[in-house]
N, C-alpha and C. Protein backbone atom coordinates (compact mmCIF):
# COMPACT_ATOMS: atom_id res chain seq x y z
N MET A 1 -191.14 -140.64 107.49
CA MET A 1 -191.13 -141.75 106.55
C MET A 1 -192.17 -142.77 107.01
N THR A 2 -192.84 -143.38 106.02
CA THR A 2 -193.91 -144.31 106.33
C THR A 2 -193.63 -145.69 105.74
N ALA A 3 -194.22 -146.68 106.36
CA ALA A 3 -194.24 -148.03 105.81
C ALA A 3 -195.68 -148.34 105.46
N VAL A 4 -195.90 -148.82 104.25
CA VAL A 4 -197.25 -149.11 103.77
C VAL A 4 -197.54 -150.59 103.96
N LEU A 5 -198.68 -150.87 104.59
CA LEU A 5 -199.18 -152.24 104.69
C LEU A 5 -199.69 -152.60 103.30
N LEU A 6 -198.93 -153.41 102.57
CA LEU A 6 -199.18 -153.66 101.15
C LEU A 6 -199.76 -155.06 100.95
N SER A 7 -201.01 -155.10 100.51
CA SER A 7 -201.66 -156.40 100.30
C SER A 7 -201.51 -156.92 98.89
N GLY A 8 -201.24 -156.04 97.95
CA GLY A 8 -201.26 -156.42 96.54
C GLY A 8 -202.56 -156.03 95.87
N GLY A 9 -203.49 -155.48 96.64
CA GLY A 9 -204.73 -154.94 96.10
C GLY A 9 -204.54 -153.49 95.69
N ILE A 10 -205.48 -152.96 94.94
CA ILE A 10 -205.32 -151.61 94.38
C ILE A 10 -205.27 -150.54 95.47
N ASP A 11 -206.03 -150.70 96.55
CA ASP A 11 -206.03 -149.67 97.60
C ASP A 11 -204.63 -149.49 98.19
N SER A 12 -204.01 -150.58 98.57
CA SER A 12 -202.68 -150.46 99.19
C SER A 12 -201.62 -150.06 98.17
N LEU A 13 -201.78 -150.47 96.92
CA LEU A 13 -200.84 -150.03 95.88
C LEU A 13 -200.91 -148.52 95.67
N VAL A 14 -202.12 -147.97 95.70
CA VAL A 14 -202.28 -146.52 95.58
C VAL A 14 -201.59 -145.83 96.76
N CYS A 15 -201.79 -146.35 97.96
CA CYS A 15 -201.13 -145.77 99.14
C CYS A 15 -199.61 -145.80 98.99
N ALA A 16 -199.08 -146.92 98.54
CA ALA A 16 -197.63 -147.04 98.37
C ALA A 16 -197.12 -146.06 97.33
N GLU A 17 -197.82 -145.95 96.22
CA GLU A 17 -197.36 -145.07 95.15
C GLU A 17 -197.48 -143.60 95.55
N LEU A 18 -198.53 -143.24 96.28
CA LEU A 18 -198.65 -141.87 96.80
C LEU A 18 -197.45 -141.55 97.69
N ALA A 19 -197.13 -142.45 98.61
CA ALA A 19 -196.00 -142.23 99.52
C ALA A 19 -194.67 -142.21 98.76
N ARG A 20 -194.52 -143.10 97.80
CA ARG A 20 -193.25 -143.16 97.03
C ARG A 20 -193.05 -141.88 96.24
N GLN A 21 -194.08 -141.44 95.55
CA GLN A 21 -193.94 -140.22 94.73
C GLN A 21 -193.73 -138.98 95.59
N ALA A 22 -194.19 -139.02 96.84
CA ALA A 22 -193.97 -137.90 97.77
C ALA A 22 -192.60 -138.00 98.46
N GLY A 23 -191.85 -139.07 98.19
CA GLY A 23 -190.55 -139.27 98.82
C GLY A 23 -190.65 -139.67 100.28
N GLU A 24 -191.78 -140.26 100.67
CA GLU A 24 -192.03 -140.61 102.06
C GLU A 24 -192.08 -142.11 102.33
N LEU A 25 -191.78 -142.95 101.33
CA LEU A 25 -191.93 -144.39 101.48
C LEU A 25 -190.64 -145.04 101.97
N ALA A 26 -190.65 -145.49 103.22
CA ALA A 26 -189.48 -146.17 103.78
C ALA A 26 -189.45 -147.63 103.35
N ALA A 27 -190.63 -148.28 103.33
CA ALA A 27 -190.72 -149.70 102.99
C ALA A 27 -192.18 -150.08 102.84
N CYS A 28 -192.40 -151.25 102.27
CA CYS A 28 -193.73 -151.85 102.22
C CYS A 28 -193.67 -153.13 103.06
N VAL A 29 -194.81 -153.48 103.63
CA VAL A 29 -194.89 -154.69 104.45
C VAL A 29 -196.02 -155.55 103.92
N PHE A 30 -195.68 -156.74 103.43
CA PHE A 30 -196.67 -157.72 102.99
C PHE A 30 -196.70 -158.82 104.03
N VAL A 31 -197.81 -158.96 104.74
CA VAL A 31 -197.90 -159.97 105.79
C VAL A 31 -198.51 -161.24 105.19
N ASP A 32 -197.74 -162.30 105.23
CA ASP A 32 -198.18 -163.62 104.78
C ASP A 32 -198.91 -164.28 105.95
N TYR A 33 -200.25 -164.37 105.82
CA TYR A 33 -201.00 -164.98 106.92
C TYR A 33 -201.83 -166.18 106.47
N GLY A 34 -201.50 -166.74 105.33
CA GLY A 34 -202.10 -167.99 104.91
C GLY A 34 -203.47 -167.89 104.31
N HIS A 35 -203.87 -166.71 103.83
CA HIS A 35 -205.20 -166.58 103.23
C HIS A 35 -205.20 -167.12 101.80
N PRO A 36 -206.37 -167.41 101.25
CA PRO A 36 -206.45 -168.08 99.95
C PRO A 36 -205.76 -167.33 98.80
N ALA A 37 -205.76 -166.01 98.82
CA ALA A 37 -205.19 -165.25 97.70
C ALA A 37 -203.77 -164.78 97.97
N GLN A 38 -203.12 -165.30 98.99
CA GLN A 38 -201.81 -164.77 99.36
C GLN A 38 -200.76 -164.90 98.26
N ILE A 39 -200.80 -165.94 97.48
CA ILE A 39 -199.79 -166.10 96.42
C ILE A 39 -199.98 -165.03 95.35
N ALA A 40 -201.21 -164.89 94.87
CA ALA A 40 -201.49 -163.88 93.84
C ALA A 40 -201.24 -162.47 94.36
N GLU A 41 -201.68 -162.19 95.58
CA GLU A 41 -201.44 -160.86 96.15
C GLU A 41 -199.95 -160.64 96.38
N GLY A 42 -199.28 -161.67 96.87
CA GLY A 42 -197.84 -161.55 97.11
C GLY A 42 -197.06 -161.25 95.85
N TRP A 43 -197.43 -161.90 94.74
CA TRP A 43 -196.76 -161.62 93.47
C TRP A 43 -196.92 -160.16 93.09
N ARG A 44 -198.14 -159.61 93.30
CA ARG A 44 -198.37 -158.19 92.96
C ARG A 44 -197.55 -157.28 93.87
N ALA A 45 -197.51 -157.61 95.15
CA ALA A 45 -196.74 -156.80 96.10
C ALA A 45 -195.25 -156.84 95.77
N PHE A 46 -194.73 -158.03 95.51
CA PHE A 46 -193.31 -158.17 95.18
C PHE A 46 -192.99 -157.48 93.85
N ALA A 47 -193.89 -157.58 92.86
CA ALA A 47 -193.68 -156.92 91.57
C ALA A 47 -193.64 -155.41 91.74
N TYR A 48 -194.56 -154.87 92.52
CA TYR A 48 -194.57 -153.43 92.75
C TYR A 48 -193.26 -152.99 93.39
N ALA A 49 -192.90 -153.61 94.50
CA ALA A 49 -191.70 -153.21 95.23
C ALA A 49 -190.45 -153.38 94.37
N GLY A 50 -190.36 -154.50 93.66
CA GLY A 50 -189.18 -154.75 92.83
C GLY A 50 -189.04 -153.77 91.69
N SER A 51 -190.14 -153.43 91.05
CA SER A 51 -190.06 -152.52 89.90
C SER A 51 -189.75 -151.09 90.31
N ARG A 52 -189.96 -150.77 91.57
CA ARG A 52 -189.73 -149.40 92.04
C ARG A 52 -188.56 -149.28 93.02
N GLY A 53 -187.88 -150.40 93.27
CA GLY A 53 -186.73 -150.37 94.16
C GLY A 53 -187.08 -150.06 95.60
N VAL A 54 -188.24 -150.52 96.03
CA VAL A 54 -188.71 -150.26 97.39
C VAL A 54 -188.48 -151.50 98.24
N PRO A 55 -187.92 -151.35 99.44
CA PRO A 55 -187.78 -152.52 100.32
C PRO A 55 -189.15 -153.12 100.63
N LEU A 56 -189.24 -154.43 100.55
CA LEU A 56 -190.48 -155.14 100.89
C LEU A 56 -190.18 -156.13 102.00
N LEU A 57 -190.83 -155.95 103.11
CA LEU A 57 -190.69 -156.84 104.24
C LEU A 57 -191.86 -157.83 104.18
N ALA A 58 -191.60 -159.09 104.46
CA ALA A 58 -192.66 -160.11 104.34
C ALA A 58 -192.69 -161.01 105.58
N PRO A 59 -193.14 -160.47 106.71
CA PRO A 59 -193.25 -161.32 107.90
C PRO A 59 -194.37 -162.35 107.74
N HIS A 60 -194.23 -163.45 108.43
CA HIS A 60 -195.21 -164.54 108.36
C HIS A 60 -195.97 -164.65 109.68
N VAL A 61 -197.28 -164.85 109.58
CA VAL A 61 -198.12 -165.09 110.74
C VAL A 61 -198.78 -166.44 110.50
N ARG A 62 -198.62 -167.36 111.41
CA ARG A 62 -199.14 -168.71 111.22
C ARG A 62 -200.35 -168.96 112.10
N ASP A 63 -201.23 -169.83 111.62
CA ASP A 63 -202.40 -170.30 112.35
C ASP A 63 -203.41 -169.21 112.66
N LEU A 64 -203.46 -168.18 111.82
CA LEU A 64 -204.47 -167.15 111.97
C LEU A 64 -205.82 -167.73 111.57
N GLN A 65 -206.83 -167.51 112.37
CA GLN A 65 -208.17 -167.99 112.04
C GLN A 65 -208.73 -167.14 110.91
N LEU A 66 -209.07 -167.75 109.79
CA LEU A 66 -209.47 -167.01 108.60
C LEU A 66 -210.95 -166.72 108.51
N GLY A 67 -211.76 -167.26 109.40
CA GLY A 67 -213.18 -166.97 109.37
C GLY A 67 -213.78 -167.25 108.01
N ALA A 68 -214.62 -166.35 107.51
CA ALA A 68 -215.30 -166.53 106.22
C ALA A 68 -214.34 -166.50 105.04
N MET A 69 -213.13 -165.95 105.23
CA MET A 69 -212.19 -165.89 104.11
C MET A 69 -211.74 -167.29 103.69
N SER A 70 -211.80 -168.24 104.60
CA SER A 70 -211.34 -169.59 104.26
C SER A 70 -212.23 -170.23 103.20
N THR A 71 -213.47 -169.76 103.07
CA THR A 71 -214.36 -170.29 102.03
C THR A 71 -214.68 -169.24 100.97
N ALA A 72 -214.39 -167.97 101.27
CA ALA A 72 -214.67 -166.83 100.39
C ALA A 72 -216.16 -166.70 100.10
N ASP A 73 -217.02 -167.21 100.99
CA ASP A 73 -218.46 -167.01 100.88
C ASP A 73 -218.84 -165.82 101.75
N GLY A 74 -219.57 -164.88 101.19
CA GLY A 74 -219.97 -163.70 101.95
C GLY A 74 -218.78 -162.77 102.14
N PRO A 75 -218.94 -161.77 103.01
CA PRO A 75 -217.82 -160.85 103.25
C PRO A 75 -216.62 -161.62 103.81
N ALA A 76 -215.45 -161.31 103.31
CA ALA A 76 -214.24 -162.02 103.73
C ALA A 76 -213.71 -161.40 105.01
N ILE A 77 -214.37 -161.67 106.10
CA ILE A 77 -214.00 -161.08 107.38
C ILE A 77 -213.11 -162.04 108.15
N VAL A 78 -211.87 -161.64 108.35
CA VAL A 78 -210.93 -162.38 109.17
C VAL A 78 -210.95 -161.69 110.53
N PRO A 79 -211.35 -162.39 111.58
CA PRO A 79 -211.47 -161.74 112.88
C PRO A 79 -210.19 -161.02 113.32
N HIS A 80 -210.31 -159.73 113.58
CA HIS A 80 -209.23 -158.90 114.12
C HIS A 80 -208.04 -158.77 113.16
N ARG A 81 -208.28 -158.95 111.87
CA ARG A 81 -207.18 -158.96 110.90
C ARG A 81 -206.34 -157.69 110.95
N ASN A 82 -206.96 -156.51 110.85
CA ASN A 82 -206.14 -155.30 110.78
C ASN A 82 -205.40 -155.02 112.07
N ALA A 83 -205.93 -155.45 113.20
CA ALA A 83 -205.18 -155.29 114.46
C ALA A 83 -203.89 -156.11 114.38
N ILE A 84 -204.01 -157.33 113.91
CA ILE A 84 -202.84 -158.21 113.80
C ILE A 84 -201.87 -157.68 112.75
N LEU A 85 -202.39 -157.33 111.56
CA LEU A 85 -201.52 -156.87 110.48
C LEU A 85 -200.80 -155.58 110.84
N LEU A 86 -201.52 -154.65 111.47
CA LEU A 86 -200.88 -153.38 111.84
C LEU A 86 -199.81 -153.59 112.91
N ALA A 87 -200.06 -154.47 113.87
CA ALA A 87 -199.05 -154.74 114.89
C ALA A 87 -197.80 -155.38 114.27
N VAL A 88 -198.01 -156.34 113.40
CA VAL A 88 -196.88 -156.99 112.72
C VAL A 88 -196.14 -155.99 111.84
N ALA A 89 -196.88 -155.15 111.11
CA ALA A 89 -196.26 -154.15 110.24
C ALA A 89 -195.47 -153.13 111.05
N ALA A 90 -196.00 -152.71 112.19
CA ALA A 90 -195.28 -151.75 113.03
C ALA A 90 -193.95 -152.34 113.49
N ASN A 91 -193.97 -153.60 113.87
CA ASN A 91 -192.75 -154.27 114.29
C ASN A 91 -191.73 -154.30 113.16
N ALA A 92 -192.17 -154.72 111.97
CA ALA A 92 -191.26 -154.84 110.83
C ALA A 92 -190.78 -153.47 110.35
N ALA A 93 -191.68 -152.50 110.33
CA ALA A 93 -191.36 -151.18 109.78
C ALA A 93 -190.33 -150.43 110.61
N THR A 94 -190.34 -150.65 111.91
CA THR A 94 -189.42 -149.94 112.78
C THR A 94 -187.97 -150.23 112.39
N ALA A 95 -187.71 -151.43 111.92
CA ALA A 95 -186.35 -151.80 111.52
C ALA A 95 -185.88 -151.02 110.30
N HIS A 96 -186.81 -150.44 109.53
CA HIS A 96 -186.44 -149.65 108.35
C HIS A 96 -186.60 -148.16 108.57
N GLY A 97 -186.71 -147.76 109.81
CA GLY A 97 -186.74 -146.33 110.12
C GLY A 97 -188.08 -145.65 109.87
N ALA A 98 -189.13 -146.41 109.67
CA ALA A 98 -190.44 -145.79 109.45
C ALA A 98 -190.92 -145.17 110.76
N THR A 99 -191.50 -144.00 110.65
CA THR A 99 -192.04 -143.32 111.82
C THR A 99 -193.56 -143.33 111.81
N SER A 100 -194.15 -143.89 110.72
CA SER A 100 -195.60 -144.04 110.64
C SER A 100 -195.92 -145.25 109.77
N LEU A 101 -197.15 -145.68 109.86
CA LEU A 101 -197.67 -146.73 108.99
C LEU A 101 -198.73 -146.11 108.09
N THR A 102 -198.96 -146.72 106.94
CA THR A 102 -200.05 -146.31 106.07
C THR A 102 -200.85 -147.54 105.72
N ILE A 103 -202.18 -147.41 105.82
CA ILE A 103 -203.08 -148.52 105.51
C ILE A 103 -204.10 -148.05 104.48
N GLY A 104 -204.46 -148.93 103.58
CA GLY A 104 -205.35 -148.59 102.47
C GLY A 104 -206.83 -148.76 102.77
N VAL A 105 -207.27 -148.44 103.97
CA VAL A 105 -208.70 -148.51 104.24
C VAL A 105 -209.40 -147.41 103.45
N SER A 106 -210.55 -147.74 102.89
CA SER A 106 -211.28 -146.76 102.09
C SER A 106 -212.71 -146.64 102.60
N GLY A 107 -213.40 -145.65 102.08
CA GLY A 107 -214.79 -145.46 102.46
C GLY A 107 -215.63 -146.67 102.13
N ALA A 108 -215.27 -147.39 101.08
CA ALA A 108 -216.03 -148.57 100.67
C ALA A 108 -215.92 -149.71 101.68
N ASP A 109 -214.85 -149.74 102.46
CA ASP A 109 -214.60 -150.84 103.39
C ASP A 109 -215.34 -150.71 104.72
N GLN A 110 -215.73 -149.51 105.07
CA GLN A 110 -216.14 -149.24 106.44
C GLN A 110 -217.45 -149.89 106.87
N ALA A 111 -218.38 -150.09 105.95
CA ALA A 111 -219.66 -150.68 106.33
C ALA A 111 -219.50 -152.15 106.76
N ALA A 112 -218.74 -152.92 106.00
CA ALA A 112 -218.61 -154.35 106.27
C ALA A 112 -217.50 -154.68 107.26
N TYR A 113 -216.50 -153.84 107.36
CA TYR A 113 -215.32 -154.17 108.15
C TYR A 113 -215.08 -153.13 109.25
N LYS A 114 -215.36 -153.51 110.47
CA LYS A 114 -215.19 -152.59 111.60
C LYS A 114 -213.74 -152.15 111.75
N ASP A 115 -212.80 -153.02 111.37
CA ASP A 115 -211.39 -152.67 111.54
C ASP A 115 -210.84 -151.82 110.40
N CYS A 116 -211.74 -151.29 109.56
CA CYS A 116 -211.37 -150.33 108.52
C CYS A 116 -211.93 -148.94 108.81
N ARG A 117 -212.51 -148.78 109.98
CA ARG A 117 -213.10 -147.50 110.36
C ARG A 117 -212.06 -146.62 111.05
N PRO A 118 -212.15 -145.30 110.84
CA PRO A 118 -211.16 -144.40 111.44
C PRO A 118 -211.00 -144.56 112.95
N ALA A 119 -212.09 -144.78 113.67
CA ALA A 119 -211.98 -144.92 115.13
C ALA A 119 -211.10 -146.11 115.50
N PHE A 120 -211.25 -147.21 114.76
CA PHE A 120 -210.42 -148.39 115.03
C PHE A 120 -208.95 -148.09 114.72
N VAL A 121 -208.70 -147.52 113.54
CA VAL A 121 -207.32 -147.24 113.13
C VAL A 121 -206.68 -146.25 114.09
N ASP A 122 -207.42 -145.24 114.51
CA ASP A 122 -206.88 -144.28 115.48
C ASP A 122 -206.55 -144.96 116.80
N ALA A 123 -207.40 -145.89 117.26
CA ALA A 123 -207.13 -146.62 118.49
C ALA A 123 -205.87 -147.48 118.35
N MET A 124 -205.69 -148.09 117.18
CA MET A 124 -204.47 -148.89 116.94
C MET A 124 -203.23 -147.99 116.95
N ALA A 125 -203.34 -146.81 116.35
CA ALA A 125 -202.22 -145.88 116.35
C ALA A 125 -201.83 -145.52 117.78
N SER A 126 -202.84 -145.27 118.60
CA SER A 126 -202.58 -144.95 120.00
C SER A 126 -201.93 -146.13 120.72
N ALA A 127 -202.45 -147.33 120.49
CA ALA A 127 -201.90 -148.52 121.14
C ALA A 127 -200.47 -148.80 120.69
N LEU A 128 -200.18 -148.59 119.42
CA LEU A 128 -198.84 -148.86 118.89
C LEU A 128 -197.86 -147.73 119.15
N GLY A 129 -198.38 -146.54 119.47
CA GLY A 129 -197.51 -145.39 119.65
C GLY A 129 -196.90 -144.93 118.35
N MET A 130 -197.62 -145.12 117.25
CA MET A 130 -197.13 -144.77 115.92
C MET A 130 -198.30 -144.26 115.09
N PRO A 131 -198.16 -143.11 114.45
CA PRO A 131 -199.26 -142.63 113.61
C PRO A 131 -199.57 -143.62 112.48
N ILE A 132 -200.85 -143.75 112.17
CA ILE A 132 -201.28 -144.60 111.05
C ILE A 132 -202.05 -143.70 110.08
N LEU A 133 -201.52 -143.57 108.89
CA LEU A 133 -202.12 -142.71 107.87
C LEU A 133 -203.16 -143.50 107.08
N MET A 134 -204.24 -142.83 106.69
CA MET A 134 -205.35 -143.43 105.95
C MET A 134 -205.72 -142.52 104.77
N PRO A 135 -204.87 -142.42 103.75
CA PRO A 135 -205.12 -141.45 102.68
C PRO A 135 -206.37 -141.72 101.85
N LEU A 136 -206.93 -142.91 101.91
CA LEU A 136 -208.10 -143.25 101.09
C LEU A 136 -209.39 -143.34 101.90
N VAL A 137 -209.35 -142.98 103.16
CA VAL A 137 -210.45 -143.25 104.08
C VAL A 137 -211.79 -142.66 103.63
N ASP A 138 -211.78 -141.59 102.89
CA ASP A 138 -213.02 -140.96 102.44
C ASP A 138 -213.37 -141.29 100.99
N MET A 139 -212.63 -142.21 100.37
CA MET A 139 -212.82 -142.50 98.95
C MET A 139 -213.58 -143.81 98.74
N GLN A 140 -214.46 -143.80 97.75
CA GLN A 140 -215.11 -145.03 97.30
C GLN A 140 -214.21 -145.68 96.25
N LYS A 141 -214.50 -146.91 95.86
CA LYS A 141 -213.62 -147.67 94.97
C LYS A 141 -213.40 -146.97 93.63
N THR A 142 -214.43 -146.35 93.07
CA THR A 142 -214.24 -145.67 91.78
C THR A 142 -213.22 -144.54 91.90
N ALA A 143 -213.24 -143.82 93.01
CA ALA A 143 -212.26 -142.74 93.21
C ALA A 143 -210.86 -143.31 93.41
N VAL A 144 -210.76 -144.44 94.10
CA VAL A 144 -209.46 -145.09 94.31
C VAL A 144 -208.88 -145.53 92.96
N VAL A 145 -209.71 -146.13 92.12
CA VAL A 145 -209.27 -146.60 90.82
C VAL A 145 -208.87 -145.42 89.93
N ARG A 146 -209.63 -144.35 90.00
CA ARG A 146 -209.29 -143.14 89.23
C ARG A 146 -207.92 -142.61 89.68
N ARG A 147 -207.69 -142.60 90.98
CA ARG A 147 -206.40 -142.14 91.51
C ARG A 147 -205.28 -143.10 91.09
N ALA A 148 -205.56 -144.39 91.08
CA ALA A 148 -204.57 -145.37 90.63
C ALA A 148 -204.12 -145.06 89.21
N ALA A 149 -205.08 -144.81 88.33
CA ALA A 149 -204.75 -144.51 86.94
C ALA A 149 -203.92 -143.23 86.84
N GLN A 150 -204.24 -142.23 87.63
CA GLN A 150 -203.46 -140.98 87.64
C GLN A 150 -202.02 -141.23 88.07
N LEU A 151 -201.83 -142.21 88.92
CA LEU A 151 -200.49 -142.53 89.43
C LEU A 151 -199.74 -143.49 88.51
N GLY A 152 -200.40 -143.96 87.44
CA GLY A 152 -199.75 -144.88 86.51
C GLY A 152 -199.94 -146.35 86.83
N LEU A 153 -200.85 -146.66 87.75
CA LEU A 153 -201.15 -148.05 88.09
C LEU A 153 -202.29 -148.55 87.22
N THR A 154 -202.27 -149.84 86.90
CA THR A 154 -203.33 -150.44 86.10
C THR A 154 -204.01 -151.56 86.89
N LYS A 155 -205.13 -152.04 86.36
CA LYS A 155 -205.81 -153.13 87.07
C LYS A 155 -204.96 -154.39 87.09
N ASP A 156 -204.05 -154.55 86.13
CA ASP A 156 -203.16 -155.71 86.12
C ASP A 156 -202.09 -155.65 87.20
N ASP A 157 -201.87 -154.48 87.77
CA ASP A 157 -200.88 -154.34 88.84
C ASP A 157 -201.39 -154.89 90.16
N ALA A 158 -202.71 -155.05 90.27
CA ALA A 158 -203.32 -155.44 91.54
C ALA A 158 -204.06 -156.76 91.42
N TRP A 159 -204.28 -157.40 92.55
CA TRP A 159 -205.08 -158.62 92.62
C TRP A 159 -206.39 -158.25 93.32
N PRO A 160 -207.55 -158.40 92.64
CA PRO A 160 -208.81 -157.95 93.22
C PRO A 160 -209.58 -159.01 94.00
N CYS A 161 -209.14 -160.24 94.01
CA CYS A 161 -209.96 -161.38 94.43
C CYS A 161 -209.59 -161.91 95.81
N TYR A 162 -210.61 -162.30 96.59
CA TYR A 162 -210.37 -162.91 97.89
C TYR A 162 -209.99 -164.37 97.78
N ARG A 163 -210.28 -164.98 96.65
CA ARG A 163 -210.01 -166.40 96.47
C ARG A 163 -208.66 -166.60 95.81
N GLY A 164 -208.10 -167.75 96.00
CA GLY A 164 -206.86 -168.09 95.33
C GLY A 164 -207.15 -168.65 93.95
N GLY A 165 -206.14 -169.00 93.23
CA GLY A 165 -206.32 -169.57 91.92
C GLY A 165 -205.51 -168.83 90.88
N PRO A 166 -205.52 -169.31 89.66
CA PRO A 166 -204.70 -168.70 88.61
C PRO A 166 -205.26 -167.38 88.08
N SER A 167 -206.54 -167.12 88.31
CA SER A 167 -207.14 -165.86 87.86
C SER A 167 -208.25 -165.47 88.83
N PRO A 168 -208.60 -164.18 88.87
CA PRO A 168 -209.67 -163.74 89.76
C PRO A 168 -210.97 -164.47 89.44
N CYS A 169 -211.75 -164.75 90.48
CA CYS A 169 -212.98 -165.53 90.32
C CYS A 169 -214.09 -164.76 89.61
N GLY A 170 -214.11 -163.44 89.77
CA GLY A 170 -215.16 -162.62 89.17
C GLY A 170 -216.46 -162.67 89.92
N GLN A 171 -216.55 -163.49 90.96
CA GLN A 171 -217.80 -163.68 91.70
C GLN A 171 -217.81 -163.06 93.09
N CYS A 172 -216.68 -163.01 93.75
CA CYS A 172 -216.66 -162.50 95.12
C CYS A 172 -216.93 -160.99 95.12
N ALA A 173 -217.31 -160.47 96.27
CA ALA A 173 -217.65 -159.05 96.39
C ALA A 173 -216.49 -158.16 95.96
N SER A 174 -215.28 -158.55 96.29
CA SER A 174 -214.12 -157.75 95.93
C SER A 174 -213.91 -157.70 94.42
N CYS A 175 -214.03 -158.83 93.74
CA CYS A 175 -213.91 -158.86 92.27
C CYS A 175 -214.98 -157.98 91.62
N GLN A 176 -216.20 -158.11 92.09
CA GLN A 176 -217.30 -157.35 91.49
C GLN A 176 -217.13 -155.85 91.70
N GLU A 177 -216.75 -155.45 92.91
CA GLU A 177 -216.56 -154.03 93.19
C GLU A 177 -215.42 -153.46 92.34
N SER A 178 -214.33 -154.21 92.24
CA SER A 178 -213.19 -153.77 91.44
C SER A 178 -213.56 -153.66 89.96
N ALA A 179 -214.23 -154.67 89.43
CA ALA A 179 -214.62 -154.65 88.02
C ALA A 179 -215.52 -153.45 87.71
N ARG A 180 -216.48 -153.18 88.61
CA ARG A 180 -217.36 -152.01 88.41
C ARG A 180 -216.56 -150.72 88.37
N ALA A 181 -215.62 -150.56 89.28
CA ALA A 181 -214.84 -149.33 89.35
C ALA A 181 -213.98 -149.14 88.11
N TRP A 182 -213.35 -150.21 87.63
CA TRP A 182 -212.52 -150.09 86.41
C TRP A 182 -213.40 -149.82 85.19
N ARG A 183 -214.61 -150.41 85.15
CA ARG A 183 -215.53 -150.12 84.03
C ARG A 183 -215.92 -148.65 84.00
N VAL A 184 -216.21 -148.08 85.18
CA VAL A 184 -216.56 -146.67 85.25
C VAL A 184 -215.40 -145.82 84.73
N LEU A 185 -214.20 -146.14 85.14
CA LEU A 185 -213.03 -145.39 84.67
C LEU A 185 -212.90 -145.51 83.16
N GLU A 186 -213.02 -146.71 82.63
CA GLU A 186 -212.91 -146.91 81.17
C GLU A 186 -213.98 -146.13 80.42
N GLN A 187 -215.20 -146.11 80.96
CA GLN A 187 -216.29 -145.35 80.33
C GLN A 187 -215.99 -143.84 80.38
N ASP A 188 -215.48 -143.38 81.51
CA ASP A 188 -215.13 -141.97 81.63
C ASP A 188 -214.04 -141.57 80.63
N LEU A 189 -213.06 -142.45 80.46
CA LEU A 189 -211.96 -142.15 79.54
C LEU A 189 -212.42 -142.21 78.08
N ALA A 190 -213.45 -143.01 77.81
CA ALA A 190 -213.95 -143.14 76.45
C ALA A 190 -214.81 -141.96 76.02
N THR A 191 -215.30 -141.20 76.97
CA THR A 191 -216.17 -140.06 76.60
C THR A 191 -215.42 -138.76 76.52
């Protein structure tokens, strides 16, 4: 059984739904660490878990240095974020009988984010003494979105933006990448 580190973004939602449909989802873990989009992402995470009857754990981490994410200018790199999130998730997941963690790192993440690379995730698994699954590690965003649609997820189920606010900004790298991927899917479905 696995616990999915659930951010409310499409990558982690796909991971959760893959595990749920396979009967392997013990719980989801949404870590509240004070980032600008936490409310919007949290709503998506809570909506997913609630609509599917999945336990959602929501540990809080305070005073995390947000780096560039605090302004959402450039890549939203929070120093050592996945190390912290995976450690917190492992702690929370153990209480629900999870024997592994799942993280939604994808091929699209690896260039900008060192903590989304397989070598890093494998090192964290070794340090935590718990396997960490990466079902999207070789997928680009368009493939992730295509898989989301196959699983019954829509773009409205996820929050694509690094910034907070009542709606996605449409300007940050995450918004633009997500919009491109959903457009490709829509074009493919229209032909």
